[in-house]
Amino acid sequence: MGIEWLKPAVVLGSLVYALIGVIVFWLSFLVIDKLTPYDLWGEIVERRNMALAIVVAAMCLGISIIVAAAIH
């Protein structure tokens, strides 16, 4: 196996794919936030809505898995 994974092209490719994944995740979260009838951040942080926080966390995990599978 050696140090093949330390080549600049491999490291740059990994960084680019990670950046693309984060951007796609963030955009999908913003779309879902706009589709919901209330402010997710205000409900979770200000009103401390634990049930909504769990649903949003599950949604984030699902989106992350889909993005990772698409990139992989």
C-alpha atoms as a PDB file:
ATOM      1  CA  MET A   1       0.000   0.000   0.000  1.00  0.00           C
ATOM      2  CA  GLY A   2       2.801   2.412   0.800  1.00  0.00           C
ATOM      3  CA  ILE A   3       2.361   6.154   0.806  1.00  0.00           C
ATOM      4  CA  GLU A   4       0.146   6.231  -2.261  1.00  0.00           C
ATOM      5  CA  TRP A   5      -2.603   8.037  -0.321  1.00  0.00           C
ATOM      6  CA  LEU A   6      -0.208  10.941   0.394  1.00  0.00           C
ATOM      7  CA  LYS A   7       0.054  11.979  -3.237  1.00  0.00           C
ATOM      8  CA  PRO A   8      -1.072  15.582  -3.773  1.00  0.00           C
ATOM      9  CA  ALA A   9      -3.737  14.561  -6.297  1.00  0.00           C
ATOM     10  CA  VAL A  10      -5.317  12.127  -3.833  1.00  0.00           C
ATOM     11  CA  VAL A  11      -5.298  14.636  -0.972  1.00  0.00           C
ATOM     12  CA  LEU A  12      -6.685  17.395  -3.205  1.00  0.00           C
ATOM     13  CA  GLY A  13      -9.395  15.081  -4.531  1.00  0.00           C
ATOM     14  CA  SER A  14     -10.408  14.142  -0.992  1.00  0.00           C
ATOM     15  CA  LEU A  15     -10.601  17.793   0.035  1.00  0.00           C
ATOM     16  CA  VAL A  16     -12.659  18.709  -3.026  1.00  0.00           C
ATOM     17  CA  TYR A  17     -15.124  15.863  -2.446  1.00  0.00           C
ATOM     18  CA  ALA A  18     -15.393  16.750   1.243  1.00  0.00           C
ATOM     19  CA  LEU A  19     -16.125  20.366   0.339  1.00  0.00           C
ATOM     20  CA  ILE A  20     -18.724  19.312  -2.233  1.00  0.00           C
ATOM     21  CA  GLY A  21     -20.353  17.049   0.361  1.00  0.00           C
ATOM     22  CA  VAL A  22     -20.548  19.825   2.945  1.00  0.00           C
ATOM     23  CA  ILE A  23     -21.996  22.267   0.398  1.00  0.00           C
ATOM     24  CA  VAL A  24     -24.634  19.778  -0.780  1.00  0.00           C
ATOM     25  CA  PHE A  25     -25.525  18.968   2.822  1.00  0.00           C
ATOM     26  CA  TRP A  26     -25.838  22.635   3.761  1.00  0.00           C
ATOM     27  CA  LEU A  27     -27.960  23.453   0.707  1.00  0.00           C
ATOM     28  CA  SER A  28     -30.292  20.526   1.349  1.00  0.00           C
ATOM     29  CA  PHE A  29     -30.665  21.589   4.977  1.00  0.00           C
ATOM     30  CA  LEU A  30     -31.519  25.141   3.896  1.00  0.00           C
ATOM     31  CA  VAL A  31     -34.136  23.836   1.461  1.00  0.00           C
ATOM     32  CA  ILE A  32     -35.732  21.697   4.162  1.00  0.00           C
ATOM     33  CA  ASP A  33     -35.619  24.633   6.579  1.00  0.00           C
ATOM     34  CA  LYS A  34     -37.452  26.803   4.034  1.00  0.00           C
ATOM     35  CA  LEU A  35     -40.057  24.075   3.397  1.00  0.00           C
ATOM     36  CA  THR A  36     -41.027  23.765   7.042  1.00  0.00           C
ATOM     37  CA  PRO A  37     -43.716  26.176   8.279  1.00  0.00           C
ATOM     38  CA  TYR A  38     -41.643  27.396  11.251  1.00  0.00           C
ATOM     39  CA  ASP A  39     -38.090  28.434  12.049  1.00  0.00           C
ATOM     40  CA  LEU A  40     -36.108  25.297  12.899  1.00  0.00           C
ATOM     41  CA  TRP A  41     -33.271  27.170  14.590  1.00  0.00           C
ATOM     42  CA  GLY A  42     -35.612  29.250  16.742  1.00  0.00           C
ATOM     43  CA  GLU A  43     -37.610  26.206  17.799  1.00  0.00           C
ATOM     44  CA  ILE A  44     -34.547  24.155  18.710  1.00  0.00           C
ATOM     45  CA  VAL A  45     -32.359  26.810  20.331  1.00  0.00           C
ATOM     46  CA  GLU A  46     -34.752  29.352  21.789  1.00  0.00           C
ATOM     47  CA  ARG A  47     -37.714  27.142  22.709  1.00  0.00           C
ATOM     48  CA  ARG A  48     -35.594  24.049  23.379  1.00  0.00           C
ATOM     49  CA  ASN A  49     -37.863  21.724  21.404  1.00  0.00           C
ATOM     50  CA  MET A  50     -36.112  18.386  22.002  1.00  0.00           C
ATOM     51  CA  ALA A  51     -38.450  16.364  19.781  1.00  0.00           C
ATOM     52  CA  LEU A  52     -37.779  18.635  16.819  1.00  0.00           C
ATOM     53  CA  ALA A  53     -34.044  18.493  17.539  1.00  0.00           C
ATOM     54  CA  ILE A  54     -34.130  14.693  17.336  1.00  0.00           C
ATOM     55  CA  VAL A  55     -36.075  14.795  14.056  1.00  0.00           C
ATOM     56  CA  VAL A  56     -33.659  17.333  12.562  1.00  0.00           C
ATOM     57  CA  ALA A  57     -30.679  15.250  13.740  1.00  0.00           C
ATOM     58  CA  ALA A  58     -32.135  12.146  12.071  1.00  0.00           C
ATOM     59  CA  MET A  59     -32.744  14.174   8.911  1.00  0.00           C
ATOM     60  CA  CYS A  60     -29.137  15.417   8.967  1.00  0.00           C
ATOM     61  CA  LEU A  61     -27.826  11.878   9.326  1.00  0.00           C
ATOM     62  CA  GLY A  62     -29.995  10.715   6.443  1.00  0.00           C
ATOM     63  CA  ILE A  63     -28.829  13.529   4.171  1.00  0.00           C
ATOM     64  CA  SER A  64     -25.211  12.858   5.158  1.00  0.00           C
ATOM     65  CA  ILE A  65     -25.523   9.169   4.308  1.00  0.00           C
ATOM     66  CA  ILE A  66     -27.093   9.969   0.924  1.00  0.00           C
ATOM     67  CA  VAL A  67     -24.377  12.535   0.092  1.00  0.00           C
ATOM     68  CA  ALA A  68     -21.604  10.148   1.177  1.00  0.00           C
ATOM     69  CA  ALA A  69     -23.046   7.333  -0.921  1.00  0.00           C
ATOM     70  CA  ALA A  70     -23.379   9.607  -3.938  1.00  0.00           C
ATOM     71  CA  ILE A  71     -19.767  10.778  -3.634  1.00  0.00           C
ATOM     72  CA  HIS A  72     -18.409   7.321  -2.939  1.00  0.00           C
END
